[in-house]
N, C-alpha and C. Protein backbone atom coordinates (compact mmCIF):
# COMPACT_ATOMS: atom_id res chain seq x y z
N MET A 1 -42.18 -31.77 61.53
CA MET A 1 -42.67 -32.87 60.77
C MET A 1 -41.53 -33.80 60.39
N LEU A 2 -41.87 -35.00 60.45
CA LEU A 2 -40.88 -36.03 60.15
C LEU A 2 -40.79 -36.23 58.63
N PRO A 3 -39.56 -36.48 58.20
CA PRO A 3 -39.42 -36.71 56.76
C PRO A 3 -40.11 -38.00 56.37
N ASN A 4 -40.42 -38.05 55.14
CA ASN A 4 -41.11 -39.21 54.57
C ASN A 4 -40.21 -40.44 54.70
N PRO A 5 -40.73 -41.55 55.27
CA PRO A 5 -39.88 -42.74 55.46
C PRO A 5 -39.48 -43.36 54.13
N TYR A 6 -40.30 -43.21 53.15
CA TYR A 6 -39.92 -43.76 51.84
C TYR A 6 -38.76 -42.97 51.24
N LEU A 7 -38.83 -41.69 51.48
CA LEU A 7 -37.74 -40.84 50.99
C LEU A 7 -36.46 -41.17 51.72
N LEU A 8 -36.55 -41.37 53.01
CA LEU A 8 -35.36 -41.75 53.77
C LEU A 8 -34.83 -43.10 53.32
N ALA A 9 -35.71 -44.06 53.12
CA ALA A 9 -35.29 -45.40 52.67
C ALA A 9 -34.67 -45.30 51.29
N GLY A 10 -35.24 -44.48 50.42
CA GLY A 10 -34.69 -44.31 49.07
C GLY A 10 -33.33 -43.65 49.12
N ALA A 11 -33.18 -42.61 49.99
CA ALA A 11 -31.89 -41.93 50.11
C ALA A 11 -30.85 -42.88 50.67
N LEU A 12 -31.27 -43.68 51.64
CA LEU A 12 -30.35 -44.66 52.21
C LEU A 12 -29.94 -45.68 51.15
N ALA A 13 -30.89 -46.15 50.37
CA ALA A 13 -30.58 -47.13 49.32
C ALA A 13 -29.65 -46.53 48.28
N VAL A 14 -29.89 -45.27 47.90
CA VAL A 14 -29.01 -44.60 46.93
C VAL A 14 -27.63 -44.43 47.53
N GLY A 15 -27.56 -44.08 48.79
CA GLY A 15 -26.26 -43.92 49.45
C GLY A 15 -25.50 -45.23 49.52
N LEU A 16 -26.21 -46.29 49.90
CA LEU A 16 -25.56 -47.61 49.96
C LEU A 16 -25.11 -48.06 48.57
N LEU A 17 -25.94 -47.86 47.59
CA LEU A 17 -25.59 -48.27 46.23
C LEU A 17 -24.41 -47.45 45.71
N THR A 18 -24.40 -46.18 46.01
CA THR A 18 -23.29 -45.32 45.59
C THR A 18 -22.01 -45.75 46.29
N GLY A 19 -22.09 -46.02 47.60
CA GLY A 19 -20.91 -46.49 48.35
C GLY A 19 -20.40 -47.83 47.82
N TRP A 20 -21.35 -48.70 47.57
CA TRP A 20 -21.00 -50.03 47.04
C TRP A 20 -20.29 -49.89 45.70
N THR A 21 -20.82 -49.06 44.82
CA THR A 21 -20.24 -48.85 43.49
C THR A 21 -18.87 -48.20 43.61
N ALA A 22 -18.74 -47.20 44.44
CA ALA A 22 -17.45 -46.51 44.62
C ALA A 22 -16.41 -47.48 45.17
N ASN A 23 -16.79 -48.31 46.13
CA ASN A 23 -15.86 -49.28 46.69
C ASN A 23 -15.46 -50.31 45.62
N GLY A 24 -16.38 -50.72 44.78
CA GLY A 24 -16.08 -51.64 43.68
C GLY A 24 -15.08 -51.02 42.72
N TRP A 25 -15.27 -49.75 42.40
CA TRP A 25 -14.32 -49.07 41.51
C TRP A 25 -12.92 -49.01 42.15
N ARG A 26 -12.91 -48.71 43.44
CA ARG A 26 -11.63 -48.62 44.15
C ARG A 26 -10.93 -49.98 44.14
N LEU A 27 -11.65 -51.06 44.46
CA LEU A 27 -11.05 -52.39 44.48
C LEU A 27 -10.64 -52.84 43.08
N ASN A 28 -11.47 -52.52 42.09
CA ASN A 28 -11.10 -52.85 40.70
C ASN A 28 -9.83 -52.11 40.30
N GLY A 29 -9.70 -50.87 40.76
CA GLY A 29 -8.49 -50.10 40.49
C GLY A 29 -7.26 -50.77 41.11
N LYS A 30 -7.42 -51.27 42.35
CA LYS A 30 -6.31 -51.97 43.01
C LYS A 30 -5.96 -53.25 42.26
N ILE A 31 -6.99 -53.98 41.84
CA ILE A 31 -6.74 -55.22 41.08
C ILE A 31 -6.03 -54.90 39.77
N ASP A 32 -6.51 -53.86 39.08
CA ASP A 32 -5.86 -53.48 37.82
C ASP A 32 -4.41 -53.07 38.07
N GLU A 33 -4.15 -52.37 39.16
CA GLU A 33 -2.79 -51.96 39.52
C GLU A 33 -1.91 -53.18 39.79
N MET A 34 -2.46 -54.17 40.52
CA MET A 34 -1.71 -55.39 40.80
C MET A 34 -1.43 -56.18 39.52
N VAL A 35 -2.40 -56.26 38.64
CA VAL A 35 -2.21 -56.95 37.36
C VAL A 35 -1.12 -56.25 36.55
N LEU A 36 -1.15 -54.92 36.54
CA LEU A 36 -0.13 -54.16 35.82
C LEU A 36 1.26 -54.41 36.41
N GLU A 37 1.39 -54.40 37.74
CA GLU A 37 2.68 -54.66 38.39
C GLU A 37 3.18 -56.06 38.06
N HIS A 38 2.27 -57.02 38.09
CA HIS A 38 2.64 -58.40 37.77
C HIS A 38 3.08 -58.51 36.32
N THR A 39 2.37 -57.88 35.42
CA THR A 39 2.72 -57.91 34.00
C THR A 39 4.09 -57.27 33.77
N GLN A 40 4.35 -56.15 34.43
CA GLN A 40 5.64 -55.49 34.28
C GLN A 40 6.77 -56.35 34.85
N ALA A 41 6.53 -56.96 36.00
CA ALA A 41 7.54 -57.83 36.61
C ALA A 41 7.80 -59.04 35.71
N LEU A 42 6.75 -59.57 35.12
CA LEU A 42 6.90 -60.70 34.20
C LEU A 42 7.71 -60.29 32.97
N GLN A 43 7.47 -59.10 32.45
CA GLN A 43 8.22 -58.61 31.30
C GLN A 43 9.70 -58.44 31.64
N VAL A 44 9.98 -57.89 32.81
CA VAL A 44 11.37 -57.69 33.24
C VAL A 44 12.05 -59.05 33.40
N ALA A 45 11.38 -59.99 34.06
CA ALA A 45 11.96 -61.33 34.26
C ALA A 45 12.19 -62.03 32.93
N THR A 46 11.25 -61.89 32.01
CA THR A 46 11.39 -62.51 30.68
C THR A 46 12.57 -61.89 29.95
N GLN A 47 12.73 -60.59 30.02
CA GLN A 47 13.85 -59.92 29.36
C GLN A 47 15.19 -60.37 29.96
N LYS A 48 15.24 -60.46 31.29
CA LYS A 48 16.48 -60.91 31.95
C LYS A 48 16.80 -62.35 31.55
N ALA A 49 15.79 -63.19 31.50
CA ALA A 49 16.01 -64.59 31.10
C ALA A 49 16.50 -64.67 29.66
N ALA A 50 15.94 -63.85 28.78
CA ALA A 50 16.38 -63.83 27.38
C ALA A 50 17.83 -63.36 27.27
N GLU A 51 18.19 -62.34 28.05
CA GLU A 51 19.57 -61.84 28.04
C GLU A 51 20.53 -62.90 28.57
N LYS A 52 20.16 -63.59 29.64
CA LYS A 52 21.01 -64.64 30.21
C LYS A 52 21.15 -65.80 29.22
N THR A 53 20.06 -66.15 28.57
CA THR A 53 20.11 -67.21 27.56
C THR A 53 21.04 -66.83 26.43
N GLN A 54 20.95 -65.60 25.98
CA GLN A 54 21.82 -65.11 24.90
C GLN A 54 23.28 -65.15 25.33
N GLN A 55 23.55 -64.71 26.56
CA GLN A 55 24.92 -64.72 27.09
C GLN A 55 25.46 -66.15 27.14
N MET A 56 24.66 -67.07 27.65
CA MET A 56 25.10 -68.46 27.74
C MET A 56 25.31 -69.06 26.35
N GLN A 57 24.45 -68.71 25.41
CA GLN A 57 24.60 -69.20 24.04
C GLN A 57 25.91 -68.69 23.44
N GLU A 58 26.23 -67.42 23.68
CA GLU A 58 27.47 -66.86 23.16
C GLU A 58 28.68 -67.54 23.80
N GLU A 59 28.61 -67.82 25.10
CA GLU A 59 29.72 -68.50 25.78
C GLU A 59 29.89 -69.92 25.23
N LYS A 60 28.77 -70.60 24.99
CA LYS A 60 28.83 -71.95 24.43
C LYS A 60 29.42 -71.91 23.03
N ASP A 61 28.98 -70.95 22.22
CA ASP A 61 29.51 -70.83 20.86
C ASP A 61 31.00 -70.52 20.87
N ALA A 62 31.43 -69.67 21.80
CA ALA A 62 32.87 -69.35 21.91
C ALA A 62 33.66 -70.60 22.31
N ALA A 63 33.11 -71.39 23.22
CA ALA A 63 33.79 -72.63 23.64
C ALA A 63 33.90 -73.60 22.47
N LEU A 64 32.83 -73.70 21.67
CA LEU A 64 32.88 -74.58 20.51
C LEU A 64 33.88 -74.08 19.48
N ARG A 65 33.92 -72.75 19.25
CA ARG A 65 34.91 -72.21 18.31
C ARG A 65 36.33 -72.50 18.79
N LYS A 66 36.54 -72.36 20.09
CA LYS A 66 37.86 -72.64 20.66
C LYS A 66 38.22 -74.11 20.47
N ALA A 67 37.27 -74.99 20.71
CA ALA A 67 37.52 -76.43 20.54
C ALA A 67 37.84 -76.76 19.09
N VAL A 68 37.11 -76.15 18.17
CA VAL A 68 37.37 -76.39 16.74
C VAL A 68 38.76 -75.90 16.38
N GLU A 69 39.16 -74.76 16.92
CA GLU A 69 40.50 -74.23 16.65
C GLU A 69 41.58 -75.16 17.21
N ILE A 70 41.34 -75.71 18.39
CA ILE A 70 42.29 -76.65 18.98
C ILE A 70 42.41 -77.90 18.11
N VAL A 71 41.28 -78.40 17.65
CA VAL A 71 41.30 -79.58 16.77
C VAL A 71 42.07 -79.26 15.49
N ARG A 72 41.84 -78.08 14.94
CA ARG A 72 42.54 -77.68 13.71
C ARG A 72 44.05 -77.64 13.94
N ARG A 73 44.46 -77.03 15.06
CA ARG A 73 45.89 -76.97 15.39
C ARG A 73 46.46 -78.36 15.61
N ASN A 74 45.68 -79.23 16.28
CA ASN A 74 46.15 -80.60 16.52
C ASN A 74 46.34 -81.37 15.21
N VAL A 75 45.44 -81.14 14.27
CA VAL A 75 45.58 -81.79 12.96
C VAL A 75 46.85 -81.30 12.27
N ILE A 76 47.08 -80.00 12.33
CA ILE A 76 48.29 -79.44 11.72
C ILE A 76 49.54 -80.01 12.39
N ASP A 77 49.53 -80.08 13.72
CA ASP A 77 50.67 -80.64 14.46
C ASP A 77 50.87 -82.12 14.13
N ALA A 78 49.76 -82.86 14.03
CA ALA A 78 49.87 -84.29 13.70
C ALA A 78 50.43 -84.47 12.29
N ASP A 79 50.00 -83.63 11.35
CA ASP A 79 50.54 -83.70 10.00
C ASP A 79 52.03 -83.39 9.99
N ALA A 80 52.44 -82.38 10.77
CA ALA A 80 53.86 -82.04 10.85
C ALA A 80 54.66 -83.20 11.45
N ALA A 81 54.11 -83.81 12.50
CA ALA A 81 54.81 -84.96 13.11
C ALA A 81 54.90 -86.12 12.12
N ARG A 82 53.84 -86.35 11.37
CA ARG A 82 53.83 -87.42 10.37
C ARG A 82 54.87 -87.14 9.28
N ASN A 83 54.94 -85.89 8.84
CA ASN A 83 55.93 -85.53 7.81
C ASN A 83 57.36 -85.70 8.34
N GLU A 84 57.58 -85.29 9.58
CA GLU A 84 58.90 -85.45 10.17
C GLU A 84 59.25 -86.92 10.31
N ARG A 85 58.29 -87.71 10.74
CA ARG A 85 58.50 -89.16 10.85
C ARG A 85 58.88 -89.76 9.51
N ASP A 86 58.14 -89.37 8.47
CA ASP A 86 58.43 -89.90 7.13
C ASP A 86 59.82 -89.48 6.66
N ARG A 87 60.20 -88.24 6.95
CA ARG A 87 61.52 -87.76 6.56
C ARG A 87 62.61 -88.55 7.28
N LEU A 88 62.44 -88.75 8.58
CA LEU A 88 63.42 -89.53 9.33
C LEU A 88 63.47 -90.98 8.86
N ARG A 89 62.30 -91.53 8.58
CA ARG A 89 62.25 -92.91 8.08
C ARG A 89 63.02 -93.03 6.76
N ASP A 90 62.81 -92.07 5.85
CA ASP A 90 63.53 -92.09 4.58
C ASP A 90 65.03 -91.95 4.79
N ASN A 91 65.43 -91.11 5.71
CA ASN A 91 66.86 -90.97 6.02
C ASN A 91 67.43 -92.27 6.57
N LEU A 92 66.66 -92.95 7.43
CA LEU A 92 67.14 -94.21 7.98
C LEU A 92 67.23 -95.29 6.90
N ILE A 93 66.27 -95.29 6.01
CA ILE A 93 66.31 -96.26 4.91
C ILE A 93 67.55 -96.01 4.06
N ALA A 94 67.82 -94.74 3.79
CA ALA A 94 69.01 -94.41 3.00
C ALA A 94 70.28 -94.79 3.76
N SER A 95 70.30 -94.57 5.08
CA SER A 95 71.49 -94.91 5.85
C SER A 95 71.66 -96.43 5.95
N ARG A 96 70.56 -97.19 5.92
CA ARG A 96 70.65 -98.65 5.96
C ARG A 96 71.47 -99.17 4.79
N SER A 97 71.17 -98.64 3.61
CA SER A 97 71.92 -99.12 2.44
C SER A 97 73.37 -98.67 2.51
N ALA A 98 73.64 -97.49 3.04
CA ALA A 98 75.03 -97.03 3.17
C ALA A 98 75.78 -97.86 4.19
N PHE A 99 75.14 -98.17 5.32
CA PHE A 99 75.82 -98.96 6.35
C PHE A 99 75.97 -100.42 5.92
N SER A 100 75.01 -100.90 5.13
CA SER A 100 75.12 -102.30 4.71
C SER A 100 76.32 -102.52 3.80
N GLU A 101 76.82 -101.49 3.15
CA GLU A 101 78.00 -101.62 2.31
C GLU A 101 79.29 -101.52 3.12
N ALA A 102 79.15 -101.13 4.37
CA ALA A 102 80.33 -101.00 5.23
C ALA A 102 80.88 -102.40 5.55
N THR A 103 82.10 -102.41 5.95
CA THR A 103 82.75 -103.68 6.25
C THR A 103 82.33 -104.26 7.58
N ASP A 104 81.86 -103.47 8.42
CA ASP A 104 81.48 -103.96 9.74
C ASP A 104 80.03 -104.42 9.72
N ALA A 105 79.77 -105.69 9.80
CA ALA A 105 78.42 -106.27 9.72
C ALA A 105 77.56 -105.86 10.92
N SER A 106 78.18 -105.71 12.03
CA SER A 106 77.39 -105.33 13.20
C SER A 106 76.81 -103.93 13.07
N LEU A 107 77.54 -103.07 12.36
CA LEU A 107 77.03 -101.73 12.13
C LEU A 107 75.78 -101.76 11.26
N ALA A 108 75.79 -102.58 10.26
CA ALA A 108 74.61 -102.72 9.39
C ALA A 108 73.43 -103.29 10.16
N GLN A 109 73.69 -104.30 10.98
CA GLN A 109 72.62 -104.89 11.79
C GLN A 109 72.05 -103.86 12.76
N TYR A 110 72.92 -103.10 13.37
CA TYR A 110 72.49 -102.05 14.29
C TYR A 110 71.59 -101.04 13.60
N THR A 111 71.99 -100.60 12.43
CA THR A 111 71.21 -99.61 11.68
C THR A 111 69.85 -100.16 11.30
N ASN A 112 69.81 -101.39 10.82
CA ASN A 112 68.53 -102.00 10.45
C ASN A 112 67.61 -102.11 11.66
N THR A 113 68.15 -102.60 12.74
CA THR A 113 67.35 -102.75 13.96
C THR A 113 66.87 -101.39 14.45
N LEU A 114 67.77 -100.41 14.44
CA LEU A 114 67.42 -99.07 14.89
C LEU A 114 66.29 -98.47 14.05
N SER A 115 66.37 -98.63 12.75
CA SER A 115 65.33 -98.04 11.90
C SER A 115 63.98 -98.71 12.10
N VAL A 116 63.97 -100.03 12.30
CA VAL A 116 62.70 -100.74 12.54
C VAL A 116 62.10 -100.30 13.87
N VAL A 117 62.92 -100.25 14.89
CA VAL A 117 62.44 -99.84 16.20
C VAL A 117 61.96 -98.39 16.17
N PHE A 118 62.74 -97.54 15.52
CA PHE A 118 62.37 -96.14 15.43
C PHE A 118 61.04 -95.97 14.68
N GLU A 119 60.88 -96.67 13.59
CA GLU A 119 59.63 -96.58 12.82
C GLU A 119 58.45 -97.04 13.65
N HIS A 120 58.63 -98.13 14.37
CA HIS A 120 57.55 -98.63 15.23
C HIS A 120 57.23 -97.61 16.33
N CYS A 121 58.24 -97.05 16.95
CA CYS A 121 58.04 -96.07 18.02
C CYS A 121 57.33 -94.82 17.51
N THR A 122 57.78 -94.30 16.38
CA THR A 122 57.15 -93.08 15.86
C THR A 122 55.70 -93.32 15.50
N LYS A 123 55.39 -94.50 14.97
CA LYS A 123 54.00 -94.82 14.65
C LYS A 123 53.16 -94.86 15.93
N GLU A 124 53.66 -95.56 16.93
CA GLU A 124 52.93 -95.68 18.19
C GLU A 124 52.78 -94.31 18.88
N TYR A 125 53.84 -93.54 18.91
CA TYR A 125 53.78 -92.21 19.55
C TYR A 125 52.84 -91.28 18.80
N SER A 126 52.82 -91.35 17.48
CA SER A 126 51.90 -90.50 16.71
C SER A 126 50.46 -90.86 17.00
N GLU A 127 50.18 -92.16 17.06
CA GLU A 127 48.80 -92.57 17.38
C GLU A 127 48.43 -92.18 18.80
N LEU A 128 49.36 -92.35 19.71
CA LEU A 128 49.11 -91.97 21.09
C LEU A 128 48.88 -90.47 21.22
N ALA A 129 49.67 -89.67 20.51
CA ALA A 129 49.51 -88.22 20.57
C ALA A 129 48.16 -87.80 20.00
N ALA A 130 47.74 -88.43 18.91
CA ALA A 130 46.44 -88.10 18.32
C ALA A 130 45.31 -88.43 19.29
N LYS A 131 45.40 -89.59 19.95
CA LYS A 131 44.37 -89.96 20.93
C LYS A 131 44.37 -89.00 22.12
N ALA A 132 45.55 -88.66 22.59
CA ALA A 132 45.66 -87.74 23.73
C ALA A 132 45.09 -86.37 23.37
N ASP A 133 45.40 -85.88 22.18
CA ASP A 133 44.85 -84.59 21.74
C ASP A 133 43.34 -84.65 21.68
N GLY A 134 42.80 -85.75 21.15
CA GLY A 134 41.35 -85.90 21.08
C GLY A 134 40.71 -85.91 22.46
N HIS A 135 41.30 -86.66 23.38
CA HIS A 135 40.76 -86.71 24.75
C HIS A 135 40.88 -85.34 25.42
N ALA A 136 42.00 -84.67 25.24
CA ALA A 136 42.18 -83.35 25.86
C ALA A 136 41.16 -82.36 25.31
N THR A 137 40.94 -82.39 24.01
CA THR A 137 39.97 -81.49 23.40
C THR A 137 38.57 -81.78 23.90
N ASP A 138 38.21 -83.06 23.98
CA ASP A 138 36.88 -83.43 24.48
C ASP A 138 36.70 -82.97 25.93
N ALA A 139 37.70 -83.21 26.75
CA ALA A 139 37.60 -82.82 28.16
C ALA A 139 37.49 -81.31 28.30
N GLU A 140 38.29 -80.58 27.55
CA GLU A 140 38.24 -79.11 27.65
C GLU A 140 36.90 -78.59 27.14
N SER A 141 36.39 -79.17 26.05
CA SER A 141 35.09 -78.73 25.51
C SER A 141 33.98 -78.98 26.53
N LEU A 142 33.97 -80.16 27.12
CA LEU A 142 32.94 -80.48 28.11
C LEU A 142 33.05 -79.57 29.34
N PHE A 143 34.27 -79.34 29.80
CA PHE A 143 34.46 -78.48 30.96
C PHE A 143 34.04 -77.05 30.66
N THR A 144 34.42 -76.53 29.50
CA THR A 144 34.06 -75.17 29.13
C THR A 144 32.55 -75.03 28.99
N ALA A 145 31.92 -76.02 28.37
CA ALA A 145 30.46 -75.99 28.23
C ALA A 145 29.78 -76.05 29.59
N TRP A 146 30.29 -76.90 30.48
CA TRP A 146 29.70 -77.02 31.81
C TRP A 146 29.84 -75.71 32.57
N THR A 147 31.02 -75.10 32.53
CA THR A 147 31.20 -73.85 33.27
C THR A 147 30.33 -72.74 32.70
N ALA A 148 30.13 -72.75 31.37
CA ALA A 148 29.26 -71.74 30.76
C ALA A 148 27.81 -71.93 31.22
N ILE A 149 27.37 -73.17 31.26
CA ILE A 149 25.99 -73.46 31.66
C ILE A 149 25.81 -73.18 33.15
N ALA A 150 26.78 -73.61 33.95
CA ALA A 150 26.66 -73.46 35.40
C ALA A 150 26.95 -72.03 35.85
N GLY A 151 27.50 -71.22 34.97
CA GLY A 151 27.82 -69.84 35.33
C GLY A 151 29.06 -69.73 36.19
N VAL A 152 29.91 -70.75 36.13
CA VAL A 152 31.16 -70.75 36.91
C VAL A 152 32.23 -70.07 36.09
N LYS A 153 32.98 -69.19 36.71
CA LYS A 153 34.07 -68.49 36.00
C LYS A 153 35.38 -68.95 36.56
């Protein structure tokens, strides 16, 4: 006797539905696995980017601290040069009066001329040195910042 066709059709339908459901679960599992892998990769990439950002920030901060220290030293050096200039100027002023009492007029003229020229030169050189220090500091700061950002060592 042949089995009931309705029973066969029902068994076939149950089999197909079961296969369909099992395949859906399998594919959903693969999708969930892919989503998990992507999420983990995204977390790793985000962590690496945060670490690199922190490293670059620290390098930038170190470059700025170095630039500030250079500026501080330059100010100290400029003050020392200014003090030395003032001391020499005072010595020349004192020597002008001593030479002017000398019998040789040309010696007095020489001293006066020398002190004026020297004062003018020291003023110009001090201003030039301050500008050069500023330019050097700016250039070094920009270069250090660029190398930190570009990752060049």
